[in-house]
PDB file of N, CA and C in Angstrom:
ATOM      1  N   MET A   1     -12.320  -6.648 -13.395  1.00  0.00           N
ATOM      2  CA  MET A   1     -12.844  -7.626 -14.336  1.00  0.00           C
ATOM      3  C   MET A   1     -14.362  -7.748 -14.215  1.00  0.00           C
ATOM      4  N   THR A   2     -14.910  -7.362 -13.076  1.00  0.00           N
ATOM      5  CA  THR A   2     -16.352  -7.471 -12.881  1.00  0.00           C
ATOM      6  C   THR A   2     -17.081  -6.213 -13.322  1.00  0.00           C
ATOM      7  N   GLY A   3     -16.310  -5.168 -13.656  1.00  0.00           N
ATOM      8  CA  GLY A   3     -16.933  -3.905 -14.023  1.00  0.00           C
ATOM      9  C   GLY A   3     -17.216  -3.013 -12.832  1.00  0.00           C
ATOM     10  N   GLU A   4     -16.982  -3.537 -11.628  1.00  0.00           N
ATOM     11  CA  GLU A   4     -17.187  -2.752 -10.418  1.00  0.00           C
ATOM     12  C   GLU A   4     -15.956  -1.895 -10.161  1.00  0.00           C
ATOM     13  N   THR A   5     -16.164  -0.771  -9.501  1.00  0.00           N
ATOM     14  CA  THR A   5     -15.032   0.066  -9.129  1.00  0.00           C
ATOM     15  C   THR A   5     -14.856   0.003  -7.621  1.00  0.00           C
ATOM     16  N   CYS A   6     -13.619   0.086  -7.191  1.00  0.00           N
ATOM     17  CA  CYS A   6     -13.335   0.062  -5.769  1.00  0.00           C
ATOM     18  C   CYS A   6     -11.919   0.564  -5.543  1.00  0.00           C
ATOM     19  N   PRO A   7     -11.564   0.940  -4.319  1.00  0.00           N
ATOM     20  CA  PRO A   7     -10.197   1.345  -4.037  1.00  0.00           C
ATOM     21  C   PRO A   7      -9.243   0.202  -4.338  1.00  0.00           C
ATOM     22  N   ASP A   8      -8.022   0.553  -4.698  1.00  0.00           N
ATOM     23  CA  ASP A   8      -7.036  -0.480  -4.981  1.00  0.00           C
ATOM     24  C   ASP A   8      -5.651   0.101  -4.805  1.00  0.00           C
ATOM     25  N   LEU A   9      -4.700  -0.745  -4.564  1.00  0.00           N
ATOM     26  CA  LEU A   9      -3.307  -0.394  -4.455  1.00  0.00           C
ATOM     27  C   LEU A   9      -2.550  -1.434  -5.254  1.00  0.00           C
ATOM     28  N   PHE A  10      -1.701  -0.985  -6.182  1.00  0.00           N
ATOM     29  CA  PHE A  10      -0.990  -1.963  -6.986  1.00  0.00           C
ATOM     30  C   PHE A  10       0.408  -1.484  -7.328  1.00  0.00           C
ATOM     31  N   GLY A  11       1.297  -2.464  -7.558  1.00  0.00           N
ATOM     32  CA  GLY A  11       2.683  -2.170  -7.873  1.00  0.00           C
ATOM     33  C   GLY A  11       2.859  -1.830  -9.335  1.00  0.00           C
ATOM     34  N   LEU A  12       3.783  -0.914  -9.598  1.00  0.00           N
ATOM     35  CA  LEU A  12       4.129  -0.524 -10.964  1.00  0.00           C
ATOM     36  C   LEU A  12       5.448  -1.191 -11.355  1.00  0.00           C
ATOM     37  N   SER A  13       5.737  -1.226 -12.632  1.00  0.00           N
ATOM     38  CA  SER A  13       6.938  -1.911 -13.111  1.00  0.00           C
ATOM     39  C   SER A  13       8.229  -1.272 -12.604  1.00  0.00           C
ATOM     40  N   ASP A  14       8.182   0.005 -12.208  1.00  0.00           N
ATOM     41  CA  ASP A  14       9.392   0.666 -11.692  1.00  0.00           C
ATOM     42  C   ASP A  14       9.568   0.495 -10.187  1.00  0.00           C
ATOM     43  N   GLY A  15       8.674  -0.278  -9.543  1.00  0.00           N
ATOM     44  CA  GLY A  15       8.778  -0.518  -8.116  1.00  0.00           C
ATOM     45  C   GLY A  15       7.921   0.404  -7.272  1.00  0.00           C
ATOM     46  N   ASP A  16       7.408   1.485  -7.849  1.00  0.00           N
ATOM     47  CA  ASP A  16       6.516   2.387  -7.129  1.00  0.00           C
ATOM     48  C   ASP A  16       5.133   1.746  -7.007  1.00  0.00           C
ATOM     49  N   PHE A  17       4.267   2.370  -6.213  1.00  0.00           N
ATOM     50  CA  PHE A  17       2.900   1.899  -6.052  1.00  0.00           C
ATOM     51  C   PHE A  17       1.929   2.975  -6.501  1.00  0.00           C
ATOM     52  N   ALA A  18       0.815   2.570  -7.059  1.00  0.00           N
ATOM     53  CA  ALA A  18      -0.266   3.480  -7.440  1.00  0.00           C
ATOM     54  C   ALA A  18      -1.464   3.157  -6.555  1.00  0.00           C
ATOM     55  N   VAL A  19      -2.206   4.205  -6.207  1.00  0.00           N
ATOM     56  CA  VAL A  19      -3.373   4.053  -5.345  1.00  0.00           C
ATOM     57  C   VAL A  19      -4.588   4.620  -6.064  1.00  0.00           C
ATOM     58  N   ILE A  20      -5.647   3.835  -6.099  1.00  0.00           N
ATOM     59  CA  ILE A  20      -6.940   4.314  -6.593  1.00  0.00           C
ATOM     60  C   ILE A  20      -7.827   4.464  -5.368  1.00  0.00           C
ATOM     61  N   GLY A  21      -8.280   5.667  -5.136  1.00  0.00           N
ATOM     62  CA  GLY A  21      -9.107   5.920  -3.966  1.00  0.00           C
ATOM     63  C   GLY A  21      -9.956   7.154  -4.191  1.00  0.00           C
ATOM     64  N   THR A  22     -10.577   7.627  -3.137  1.00  0.00           N
ATOM     65  CA  THR A  22     -11.434   8.793  -3.192  1.00  0.00           C
ATOM     66  C   THR A  22     -10.603  10.048  -2.954  1.00  0.00           C
ATOM     67  N   ASP A  23     -10.656  10.990  -3.885  1.00  0.00           N
ATOM     68  CA  ASP A  23      -9.933  12.250  -3.751  1.00  0.00           C
ATOM     69  C   ASP A  23     -10.636  13.112  -2.706  1.00  0.00           C
ATOM     70  N   ARG A  24      -9.957  13.327  -1.571  1.00  0.00           N
ATOM     71  CA  ARG A  24     -10.528  14.144  -0.491  1.00  0.00           C
ATOM     72  C   ARG A  24      -9.583  15.288  -0.128  1.00  0.00           C
ATOM     73  N   THR A  25      -8.821  15.734  -1.126  1.00  0.00           N
ATOM     74  CA  THR A  25      -7.821  16.775  -0.908  1.00  0.00           C
ATOM     75  C   THR A  25      -8.418  18.019  -0.277  1.00  0.00           C
ATOM     76  N   GLU A  26      -9.453  18.547  -0.872  1.00  0.00           N
ATOM     77  CA  GLU A  26     -10.032  19.807  -0.385  1.00  0.00           C
ATOM     78  C   GLU A  26     -10.534  19.660   1.052  1.00  0.00           C
ATOM     79  N   GLU A  27     -11.149  18.547   1.346  1.00  0.00           N
ATOM     80  CA  GLU A  27     -11.725  18.307   2.670  1.00  0.00           C
ATOM     81  C   GLU A  27     -10.652  18.129   3.751  1.00  0.00           C
ATOM     82  N   LEU A  28      -9.545  17.465   3.404  1.00  0.00           N
ATOM     83  CA  LEU A  28      -8.566  17.082   4.413  1.00  0.00           C
ATOM     84  C   LEU A  28      -7.357  18.004   4.514  1.00  0.00           C
ATOM     85  N   ASP A  29      -7.126  18.880   3.542  1.00  0.00           N
ATOM     86  CA  ASP A  29      -5.937  19.740   3.571  1.00  0.00           C
ATOM     87  C   ASP A  29      -5.782  20.478   4.896  1.00  0.00           C
ATOM     88  N   ALA A  30      -6.836  21.059   5.400  1.00  0.00           N
ATOM     89  CA  ALA A  30      -6.753  21.835   6.634  1.00  0.00           C
ATOM     90  C   ALA A  30      -6.515  20.960   7.864  1.00  0.00           C
ATOM     91  N   LEU A  31      -6.725  19.657   7.732  1.00  0.00           N
ATOM     92  CA  LEU A  31      -6.586  18.741   8.863  1.00  0.00           C
ATOM     93  C   LEU A  31      -5.236  18.036   8.907  1.00  0.00           C
ATOM     94  N   LEU A  32      -4.413  18.230   7.869  1.00  0.00           N
ATOM     95  CA  LEU A  32      -3.111  17.564   7.836  1.00  0.00           C
ATOM     96  C   LEU A  32      -2.218  18.125   8.937  1.00  0.00           C
ATOM     97  N   PRO A  33      -1.382  17.274   9.527  1.00  0.00           N
ATOM     98  CA  PRO A  33      -0.460  17.768  10.549  1.00  0.00           C
ATOM     99  C   PRO A  33       0.559  18.728   9.926  1.00  0.00           C
ATOM    100  N   GLU A  34       1.138  19.590  10.752  1.00  0.00           N
ATOM    101  CA  GLU A  34       2.104  20.565  10.255  1.00  0.00           C
ATOM    102  C   GLU A  34       3.285  19.905   9.570  1.00  0.00           C
ATOM    103  N   SER A  35       3.606  18.682   9.958  1.00  0.00           N
ATOM    104  CA  SER A  35       4.748  17.980   9.374  1.00  0.00           C
ATOM    105  C   SER A  35       4.446  17.415   7.982  1.00  0.00           C
ATOM    106  N   ALA A  36       3.193  17.464   7.576  1.00  0.00           N
ATOM    107  CA  ALA A  36       2.801  16.937   6.267  1.00  0.00           C
ATOM    108  C   ALA A  36       2.828  18.049   5.225  1.00  0.00           C
ATOM    109  N   ALA A  37       3.257  17.700   4.037  1.00  0.00           N
ATOM    110  CA  ALA A  37       3.278  18.666   2.941  1.00  0.00           C
ATOM    111  C   ALA A  37       2.758  17.992   1.682  1.00  0.00           C
ATOM    112  N   ARG A  38       2.053  18.763   0.867  1.00  0.00           N
ATOM    113  CA  ARG A  38       1.505  18.236  -0.379  1.00  0.00           C
ATOM    114  C   ARG A  38       1.845  19.220  -1.488  1.00  0.00           C
ATOM    115  N   ALA A  39       2.505  18.727  -2.528  1.00  0.00           N
ATOM    116  CA  ALA A  39       2.820  19.570  -3.682  1.00  0.00           C
ATOM    117  C   ALA A  39       1.546  19.827  -4.483  1.00  0.00           C
ATOM    118  N   ASP A  40       1.555  20.868  -5.294  1.00  0.00           N
ATOM    119  CA  ASP A  40       0.383  21.193  -6.112  1.00  0.00           C
ATOM    120  C   ASP A  40      -0.019  20.049  -7.038  1.00  0.00           C
ATOM    121  N   CYS A  41       0.940  19.226  -7.439  1.00  0.00           N
ATOM    122  CA  CYS A  41       0.641  18.109  -8.349  1.00  0.00           C
ATOM    123  C   CYS A  41       0.163  16.864  -7.599  1.00  0.00           C
ATOM    124  N   GLU A  42       0.109  16.917  -6.280  1.00  0.00           N
ATOM    125  CA  GLU A  42      -0.298  15.770  -5.471  1.00  0.00           C
ATOM    126  C   GLU A  42      -1.707  15.956  -4.923  1.00  0.00           C
ATOM    127  N   ARG A  43      -2.380  14.845  -4.675  1.00  0.00           N
ATOM    128  CA  ARG A  43      -3.734  14.847  -4.116  1.00  0.00           C
ATOM    129  C   ARG A  43      -3.742  13.963  -2.877  1.00  0.00           C
ATOM    130  N   THR A  44      -4.624  14.241  -1.952  1.00  0.00           N
ATOM    131  CA  THR A  44      -4.824  13.392  -0.787  1.00  0.00           C
ATOM    132  C   THR A  44      -5.924  12.401  -1.143  1.00  0.00           C
ATOM    133  N   VAL A  45      -5.540  11.129  -1.189  1.00  0.00           N
ATOM    134  CA  VAL A  45      -6.458  10.073  -1.616  1.00  0.00           C
ATOM    135  C   VAL A  45      -6.710   9.146  -0.442  1.00  0.00           C
ATOM    136  N   VAL A  46      -7.965   8.799  -0.230  1.00  0.00           N
ATOM    137  CA  VAL A  46      -8.348   7.923   0.877  1.00  0.00           C
ATOM    138  C   VAL A  46      -8.743   6.561   0.326  1.00  0.00           C
ATOM    139  N   ILE A  47      -8.192   5.520   0.961  1.00  0.00           N
ATOM    140  CA  ILE A  47      -8.620   4.147   0.678  1.00  0.00           C
ATOM    141  C   ILE A  47      -9.110   3.561   1.992  1.00  0.00           C
ATOM    142  N   THR A  48      -9.877   2.523   1.909  1.00  0.00           N
ATOM    143  CA  THR A  48     -10.397   1.911   3.130  1.00  0.00           C
ATOM    144  C   THR A  48      -9.285   1.169   3.869  1.00  0.00           C
ATOM    145  N   ARG A  49      -9.468   1.033   5.150  1.00  0.00           N
ATOM    146  CA  ARG A  49      -8.514   0.264   5.958  1.00  0.00           C
ATOM    147  C   ARG A  49      -8.419  -1.169   5.427  1.00  0.00           C
ATOM    148  N   ASP A  50      -9.555  -1.729   5.065  1.00  0.00           N
ATOM    149  CA  ASP A  50      -9.587  -3.097   4.553  1.00  0.00           C
ATOM    150  C   ASP A  50      -8.733  -3.230   3.282  1.00  0.00           C
ATOM    151  N   THR A  51      -8.793  -2.240   2.412  1.00  0.00           N
ATOM    152  CA  THR A  51      -7.994  -2.282   1.185  1.00  0.00           C
ATOM    153  C   THR A  51      -6.511  -2.344   1.515  1.00  0.00           C
ATOM    154  N   LEU A  52      -6.051  -1.489   2.424  1.00  0.00           N
ATOM    155  CA  LEU A  52      -4.633  -1.473   2.772  1.00  0.00           C
ATOM    156  C   LEU A  52      -4.213  -2.751   3.477  1.00  0.00           C
ATOM    157  N   LEU A  53      -5.034  -3.253   4.375  1.00  0.00           N
ATOM    158  CA  LEU A  53      -4.686  -4.485   5.075  1.00  0.00           C
ATOM    159  C   LEU A  53      -4.607  -5.673   4.116  1.00  0.00           C
ATOM    160  N   ARG A  54      -5.495  -5.720   3.138  1.00  0.00           N
ATOM    161  CA  ARG A  54      -5.448  -6.812   2.161  1.00  0.00           C
ATOM    162  C   ARG A  54      -4.227  -6.700   1.260  1.00  0.00           C
ATOM    163  N   ALA A  55      -3.810  -5.475   0.965  1.00  0.00           N
ATOM    164  CA  ALA A  55      -2.648  -5.256   0.101  1.00  0.00           C
ATOM    165  C   ALA A  55      -1.336  -5.506   0.836  1.00  0.00           C
ATOM    166  N   GLU A  56      -1.354  -5.427   2.153  1.00  0.00           N
ATOM    167  CA  GLU A  56      -0.127  -5.530   2.944  1.00  0.00           C
ATOM    168  C   GLU A  56       0.668  -6.792   2.619  1.00  0.00           C
ATOM    169  N   ARG A  57       0.014  -7.892   2.431  1.00  0.00           N
ATOM    170  CA  ARG A  57       0.729  -9.150   2.166  1.00  0.00           C
ATOM    171  C   ARG A  57       1.455  -9.134   0.831  1.00  0.00           C
ATOM    172  N   ASP A  58       1.075  -8.234  -0.075  1.00  0.00           N
ATOM    173  CA  ASP A  58       1.721  -8.159  -1.381  1.00  0.00           C
ATOM    174  C   ASP A  58       2.807  -7.083  -1.463  1.00  0.00           C
ATOM    175  N   ILE A  59       2.999  -6.322  -0.376  1.00  0.00           N
ATOM    176  CA  ILE A  59       4.014  -5.264  -0.362  1.00  0.00           C
ATOM    177  C   ILE A  59       5.314  -5.865   0.182  1.00  0.00           C
ATOM    178  N   PRO A  60       6.392  -5.800  -0.617  1.00  0.00           N
ATOM    179  CA  PRO A  60       7.664  -6.369  -0.151  1.00  0.00           C
ATOM    180  C   PRO A  60       8.234  -5.596   1.034  1.00  0.00           C
ATOM    181  N   ASP A  61       9.001  -6.283   1.866  1.00  0.00           N
ATOM    182  CA  ASP A  61       9.620  -5.652   3.035  1.00  0.00           C
ATOM    183  C   ASP A  61      10.736  -4.682   2.647  1.00  0.00           C
ATOM    184  N   ALA A  62      11.418  -4.941   1.570  1.00  0.00           N
ATOM    185  CA  ALA A  62      12.541  -4.076   1.183  1.00  0.00           C
ATOM    186  C   ALA A  62      12.449  -3.676  -0.261  1.00  0.00           C
TER     187      ALA A  62
END
């Protein structure tokens, strides 16, 4: 509403969550653990710790 841009995490009507963050796919792909996998249609997006901690209270437990 202020015209400023910033990372955000918000719920969608289907129950999923959307994340707005910095696309760092190219930079971080080689650093992902072997147990991590990313499909071609997926990107590695970084949000600040503060953003996630502030959103935590709005994420349902179940």
